N, C-alpha and C. Protein backbone atom coordinates (compact mmCIF):
# COMPACT_ATOMS: atom_id res chain seq x y z
N MET A 1 -18.99 -0.04 8.73
CA MET A 1 -18.62 -1.27 8.06
C MET A 1 -19.44 -2.41 8.69
N THR A 2 -20.03 -3.22 7.86
CA THR A 2 -20.84 -4.33 8.38
C THR A 2 -19.95 -5.49 8.79
N ASN A 3 -20.52 -6.40 9.55
CA ASN A 3 -19.80 -7.60 9.97
C ASN A 3 -19.37 -8.42 8.75
N GLU A 4 -20.25 -8.49 7.74
CA GLU A 4 -19.93 -9.24 6.52
C GLU A 4 -18.74 -8.62 5.79
N GLN A 5 -18.68 -7.31 5.74
CA GLN A 5 -17.56 -6.63 5.11
C GLN A 5 -16.26 -6.90 5.87
N MET A 6 -16.34 -6.88 7.19
CA MET A 6 -15.15 -7.17 7.99
C MET A 6 -14.69 -8.61 7.76
N LEU A 7 -15.63 -9.54 7.68
CA LEU A 7 -15.29 -10.93 7.42
C LEU A 7 -14.65 -11.10 6.04
N GLU A 8 -15.17 -10.38 5.05
CA GLU A 8 -14.58 -10.43 3.70
C GLU A 8 -13.14 -9.96 3.71
N ILE A 9 -12.89 -8.83 4.34
CA ILE A 9 -11.53 -8.28 4.42
C ILE A 9 -10.62 -9.25 5.17
N LEU A 10 -11.12 -9.78 6.27
CA LEU A 10 -10.33 -10.71 7.08
C LEU A 10 -10.01 -11.98 6.30
N THR A 11 -10.96 -12.50 5.57
CA THR A 11 -10.73 -13.68 4.74
C THR A 11 -9.70 -13.39 3.66
N ALA A 12 -9.82 -12.24 3.01
CA ALA A 12 -8.88 -11.87 1.94
C ALA A 12 -7.47 -11.71 2.48
N ARG A 13 -7.34 -11.14 3.67
CA ARG A 13 -6.00 -10.86 4.21
C ARG A 13 -5.35 -12.07 4.87
N THR A 14 -6.16 -13.05 5.29
CA THR A 14 -5.59 -14.19 6.01
C THR A 14 -5.66 -15.50 5.23
N GLY A 15 -6.61 -15.59 4.30
CA GLY A 15 -6.80 -16.84 3.57
C GLY A 15 -7.63 -17.85 4.34
N VAL A 16 -8.06 -17.51 5.55
CA VAL A 16 -8.87 -18.40 6.38
C VAL A 16 -10.33 -18.23 5.97
N THR A 17 -11.03 -19.36 5.75
CA THR A 17 -12.43 -19.28 5.31
C THR A 17 -13.43 -19.73 6.38
N ASP A 18 -12.95 -20.17 7.52
CA ASP A 18 -13.82 -20.61 8.60
C ASP A 18 -14.43 -19.38 9.27
N THR A 19 -15.68 -19.06 8.92
CA THR A 19 -16.30 -17.82 9.42
C THR A 19 -16.51 -17.85 10.93
N THR A 20 -16.73 -19.02 11.50
CA THR A 20 -16.90 -19.10 12.95
C THR A 20 -15.62 -18.68 13.66
N LEU A 21 -14.50 -19.15 13.17
CA LEU A 21 -13.21 -18.79 13.74
C LEU A 21 -12.93 -17.30 13.56
N LEU A 22 -13.19 -16.79 12.36
CA LEU A 22 -12.95 -15.37 12.09
C LEU A 22 -13.85 -14.48 12.94
N GLU A 23 -15.10 -14.88 13.11
CA GLU A 23 -16.02 -14.10 13.95
C GLU A 23 -15.54 -14.08 15.40
N ALA A 24 -14.97 -15.19 15.87
CA ALA A 24 -14.43 -15.24 17.23
C ALA A 24 -13.28 -14.25 17.39
N TYR A 25 -12.39 -14.20 16.39
CA TYR A 25 -11.28 -13.25 16.46
C TYR A 25 -11.77 -11.81 16.34
N LEU A 26 -12.78 -11.57 15.52
CA LEU A 26 -13.35 -10.21 15.43
C LEU A 26 -13.97 -9.81 16.77
N GLU A 27 -14.61 -10.76 17.43
CA GLU A 27 -15.21 -10.48 18.74
C GLU A 27 -14.14 -10.21 19.79
N ASP A 28 -13.05 -10.97 19.77
CA ASP A 28 -11.94 -10.72 20.70
C ASP A 28 -11.37 -9.32 20.48
N ALA A 29 -11.19 -8.96 19.21
CA ALA A 29 -10.67 -7.63 18.87
C ALA A 29 -11.64 -6.54 19.32
N ALA A 30 -12.92 -6.77 19.09
CA ALA A 30 -13.94 -5.80 19.49
C ALA A 30 -13.92 -5.59 21.00
N GLN A 31 -13.83 -6.68 21.75
CA GLN A 31 -13.84 -6.58 23.20
C GLN A 31 -12.63 -5.82 23.72
N ALA A 32 -11.48 -6.04 23.10
CA ALA A 32 -10.26 -5.32 23.51
C ALA A 32 -10.41 -3.82 23.26
N ILE A 33 -10.97 -3.47 22.11
CA ILE A 33 -11.17 -2.05 21.77
C ILE A 33 -12.18 -1.41 22.71
N ILE A 34 -13.28 -2.09 22.97
CA ILE A 34 -14.32 -1.56 23.86
C ILE A 34 -13.76 -1.38 25.28
N ASN A 35 -13.00 -2.37 25.75
CA ASN A 35 -12.42 -2.26 27.09
C ASN A 35 -11.45 -1.08 27.20
N LYS A 36 -10.73 -0.82 26.13
CA LYS A 36 -9.79 0.31 26.15
C LYS A 36 -10.52 1.65 25.99
N ALA A 37 -11.53 1.69 25.11
CA ALA A 37 -12.24 2.94 24.84
C ALA A 37 -13.17 3.35 25.98
N TYR A 38 -13.73 2.38 26.67
CA TYR A 38 -14.69 2.67 27.74
C TYR A 38 -14.26 1.95 29.03
N PRO A 39 -13.17 2.38 29.64
CA PRO A 39 -12.65 1.64 30.80
C PRO A 39 -13.56 1.68 32.03
N PHE A 40 -14.46 2.66 32.10
CA PHE A 40 -15.29 2.80 33.29
C PHE A 40 -16.76 2.47 33.03
N LYS A 41 -17.06 1.98 31.85
CA LYS A 41 -18.45 1.68 31.48
C LYS A 41 -18.58 0.21 31.14
N THR A 42 -19.73 -0.36 31.47
CA THR A 42 -20.00 -1.74 31.09
C THR A 42 -21.26 -1.77 30.25
N GLY A 43 -21.47 -2.86 29.58
CA GLY A 43 -22.68 -3.02 28.79
C GLY A 43 -22.57 -2.50 27.37
N ILE A 44 -21.44 -1.95 26.98
CA ILE A 44 -21.27 -1.46 25.61
C ILE A 44 -20.83 -2.64 24.76
N GLU A 45 -21.51 -2.86 23.64
CA GLU A 45 -21.23 -4.03 22.82
C GLU A 45 -20.83 -3.69 21.40
N THR A 46 -20.85 -2.41 21.03
CA THR A 46 -20.59 -2.02 19.66
C THR A 46 -19.30 -1.20 19.58
N VAL A 47 -18.45 -1.59 18.64
CA VAL A 47 -17.20 -0.86 18.41
C VAL A 47 -17.54 0.42 17.63
N PRO A 48 -17.05 1.57 18.09
CA PRO A 48 -17.30 2.80 17.32
C PRO A 48 -16.77 2.66 15.90
N ALA A 49 -17.46 3.29 14.95
CA ALA A 49 -17.10 3.17 13.53
C ALA A 49 -15.64 3.53 13.26
N LYS A 50 -15.12 4.51 13.99
CA LYS A 50 -13.74 4.93 13.72
C LYS A 50 -12.71 3.87 14.11
N TYR A 51 -13.10 2.85 14.88
CA TYR A 51 -12.19 1.80 15.28
C TYR A 51 -12.45 0.46 14.58
N GLN A 52 -13.38 0.42 13.65
CA GLN A 52 -13.69 -0.85 12.98
C GLN A 52 -12.54 -1.36 12.12
N ARG A 53 -11.83 -0.48 11.46
CA ARG A 53 -10.66 -0.90 10.67
C ARG A 53 -9.59 -1.49 11.60
N LEU A 54 -9.41 -0.87 12.75
CA LEU A 54 -8.47 -1.38 13.75
C LEU A 54 -8.92 -2.76 14.24
N GLN A 55 -10.22 -2.94 14.39
CA GLN A 55 -10.76 -4.23 14.80
C GLN A 55 -10.33 -5.33 13.82
N VAL A 56 -10.42 -5.04 12.53
CA VAL A 56 -10.01 -6.00 11.51
C VAL A 56 -8.49 -6.25 11.59
N GLU A 57 -7.72 -5.17 11.76
CA GLU A 57 -6.26 -5.31 11.86
C GLU A 57 -5.87 -6.19 13.04
N ILE A 58 -6.53 -6.00 14.17
CA ILE A 58 -6.23 -6.81 15.35
C ILE A 58 -6.62 -8.26 15.10
N ALA A 59 -7.77 -8.48 14.46
CA ALA A 59 -8.19 -9.84 14.14
C ALA A 59 -7.18 -10.52 13.20
N VAL A 60 -6.66 -9.79 12.22
CA VAL A 60 -5.63 -10.33 11.32
C VAL A 60 -4.40 -10.73 12.13
N TYR A 61 -4.00 -9.88 13.06
CA TYR A 61 -2.86 -10.17 13.92
C TYR A 61 -3.11 -11.46 14.72
N LEU A 62 -4.31 -11.58 15.29
CA LEU A 62 -4.63 -12.76 16.10
C LEU A 62 -4.65 -14.03 15.26
N VAL A 63 -5.17 -13.95 14.04
CA VAL A 63 -5.17 -15.11 13.15
C VAL A 63 -3.73 -15.51 12.83
N GLY A 64 -2.88 -14.52 12.60
CA GLY A 64 -1.48 -14.79 12.31
C GLY A 64 -0.74 -15.47 13.45
N LYS A 65 -1.20 -15.26 14.66
CA LYS A 65 -0.57 -15.87 15.84
C LYS A 65 -1.15 -17.23 16.17
N MET A 66 -2.14 -17.68 15.42
CA MET A 66 -2.79 -18.96 15.71
C MET A 66 -1.76 -20.07 15.85
N GLY A 67 -1.84 -20.80 16.93
CA GLY A 67 -0.92 -21.89 17.17
C GLY A 67 0.37 -21.47 17.85
N ALA A 68 0.59 -20.18 17.98
CA ALA A 68 1.82 -19.70 18.61
C ALA A 68 1.49 -18.68 19.69
N GLU A 69 0.32 -18.78 20.29
CA GLU A 69 -0.11 -17.83 21.30
C GLU A 69 0.88 -17.79 22.45
N GLY A 70 1.23 -16.61 22.86
CA GLY A 70 2.12 -16.43 24.00
C GLY A 70 3.60 -16.62 23.68
N GLN A 71 3.92 -16.89 22.45
CA GLN A 71 5.31 -17.12 22.07
C GLN A 71 6.12 -15.85 22.27
N THR A 72 7.25 -15.96 22.94
CA THR A 72 8.09 -14.78 23.14
C THR A 72 9.27 -14.76 22.20
N MET A 73 9.72 -15.92 21.72
CA MET A 73 10.78 -15.94 20.73
C MET A 73 10.80 -17.31 20.05
N HIS A 74 11.08 -17.28 18.77
CA HIS A 74 11.18 -18.52 18.00
C HIS A 74 12.17 -18.27 16.87
N ILE A 75 13.21 -19.07 16.79
CA ILE A 75 14.20 -18.93 15.74
C ILE A 75 14.33 -20.28 15.04
N GLU A 76 14.11 -20.25 13.73
CA GLU A 76 14.21 -21.48 12.96
C GLU A 76 14.58 -21.15 11.52
N ASN A 77 15.65 -21.72 11.04
CA ASN A 77 16.10 -21.51 9.66
C ASN A 77 16.18 -20.03 9.27
N GLY A 78 16.69 -19.22 10.16
CA GLY A 78 16.85 -17.81 9.85
C GLY A 78 15.59 -16.98 10.04
N ILE A 79 14.50 -17.59 10.48
CA ILE A 79 13.26 -16.86 10.73
C ILE A 79 13.16 -16.62 12.24
N HIS A 80 12.99 -15.36 12.61
CA HIS A 80 12.90 -14.97 14.02
C HIS A 80 11.49 -14.46 14.31
N ARG A 81 10.85 -15.02 15.33
CA ARG A 81 9.52 -14.55 15.74
C ARG A 81 9.56 -14.20 17.22
N THR A 82 9.05 -13.05 17.54
CA THR A 82 8.91 -12.60 18.92
C THR A 82 7.60 -11.84 19.00
N TYR A 83 6.82 -12.08 20.03
CA TYR A 83 5.56 -11.37 20.19
C TYR A 83 5.67 -10.40 21.35
N GLU A 84 5.05 -9.25 21.17
CA GLU A 84 5.12 -8.17 22.16
C GLU A 84 4.47 -8.57 23.48
N SER A 85 3.35 -9.27 23.40
CA SER A 85 2.64 -9.70 24.59
C SER A 85 1.90 -10.99 24.28
N ALA A 86 1.31 -11.57 25.30
CA ALA A 86 0.62 -12.83 25.11
C ALA A 86 -0.70 -12.67 24.37
N SER A 87 -1.24 -11.48 24.34
CA SER A 87 -2.50 -11.28 23.62
C SER A 87 -2.30 -10.18 22.58
N ILE A 88 -3.10 -9.14 22.66
CA ILE A 88 -3.03 -8.04 21.69
C ILE A 88 -1.98 -7.04 22.18
N PRO A 89 -1.01 -6.70 21.35
CA PRO A 89 0.03 -5.76 21.79
C PRO A 89 -0.55 -4.38 22.10
N ASN A 90 0.01 -3.76 23.11
CA ASN A 90 -0.42 -2.40 23.48
C ASN A 90 -0.22 -1.42 22.33
N SER A 91 0.78 -1.66 21.49
CA SER A 91 1.03 -0.75 20.38
C SER A 91 -0.14 -0.70 19.40
N MET A 92 -0.88 -1.81 19.28
CA MET A 92 -2.04 -1.82 18.39
C MET A 92 -3.21 -1.04 18.99
N LEU A 93 -3.29 -1.02 20.30
CA LEU A 93 -4.40 -0.34 20.97
C LEU A 93 -4.09 1.12 21.30
N LYS A 94 -2.90 1.59 20.92
CA LYS A 94 -2.52 2.98 21.20
C LYS A 94 -3.46 3.98 20.56
N ALA A 95 -4.03 3.63 19.42
CA ALA A 95 -4.90 4.56 18.69
C ALA A 95 -6.26 4.73 19.37
N VAL A 96 -6.60 3.85 20.28
CA VAL A 96 -7.90 3.92 20.97
C VAL A 96 -7.79 4.92 22.11
N ILE A 97 -8.65 5.92 22.10
CA ILE A 97 -8.64 6.96 23.13
C ILE A 97 -9.71 6.63 24.16
N PRO A 98 -9.31 6.39 25.40
CA PRO A 98 -10.28 6.08 26.44
C PRO A 98 -11.23 7.25 26.71
N LEU A 99 -12.47 6.93 26.95
CA LEU A 99 -13.48 7.94 27.26
C LEU A 99 -13.73 7.93 28.76
N ALA A 100 -13.53 9.06 29.38
CA ALA A 100 -13.80 9.20 30.80
C ALA A 100 -14.45 10.56 31.00
N LYS A 101 -15.45 10.60 31.84
CA LYS A 101 -16.15 11.86 32.11
C LYS A 101 -16.06 12.17 33.58
N ILE A 102 -15.96 13.46 33.87
CA ILE A 102 -15.99 13.92 35.25
C ILE A 102 -17.45 14.21 35.56
N PRO A 103 -17.96 13.63 36.64
CA PRO A 103 -19.38 13.86 36.95
C PRO A 103 -19.64 15.32 37.32
N SER A 104 -20.83 15.76 37.01
CA SER A 104 -21.20 17.13 37.36
C SER A 104 -21.34 17.25 38.88
N PRO A 105 -21.21 18.46 39.43
CA PRO A 105 -21.30 18.62 40.89
C PRO A 105 -22.60 18.10 41.48
N GLU A 106 -23.70 18.21 40.74
CA GLU A 106 -24.98 17.72 41.25
C GLU A 106 -24.94 16.21 41.48
N VAL A 107 -24.31 15.49 40.56
CA VAL A 107 -24.22 14.05 40.68
C VAL A 107 -23.35 13.66 41.88
N VAL A 108 -22.27 14.37 42.10
CA VAL A 108 -21.37 14.11 43.22
C VAL A 108 -22.10 14.36 44.54
N GLU A 109 -22.86 15.46 44.63
CA GLU A 109 -23.62 15.76 45.84
C GLU A 109 -24.65 14.70 46.13
N ASP A 110 -25.35 14.23 45.09
CA ASP A 110 -26.35 13.17 45.25
C ASP A 110 -25.72 11.88 45.74
N ALA A 111 -24.52 11.59 45.31
CA ALA A 111 -23.84 10.36 45.70
C ALA A 111 -23.46 10.40 47.17
N ASP A 112 -23.21 11.59 47.71
CA ASP A 112 -22.81 11.72 49.11
C ASP A 112 -23.98 11.54 50.07
N THR A 113 -25.19 11.76 49.59
CA THR A 113 -26.34 11.69 50.51
C THR A 113 -26.89 10.31 50.62
């Protein structure tokens, strides 16, 4: 999915047309997914294709929280709002499987010398 396609979906689902703002939320979502998928690697900047739909879903969630970041409870006129965490809920990132590799014995031996 291209960035333009993600922006289209995000605009349709949120009604927000400010592409700079939407790109920022897509980037925040991407960084959260990358950090979860590659906990021991740095320098990775691309979200794997299988997580791009999740990236959009997280961005939609973040747009929906705009102005109420970190809110833990809000009750007004029968409307109750509570957020799982101050940023992206762990339940949204559950689908991301972290990648970790065990080094081969040769690499371990080289590291000891």
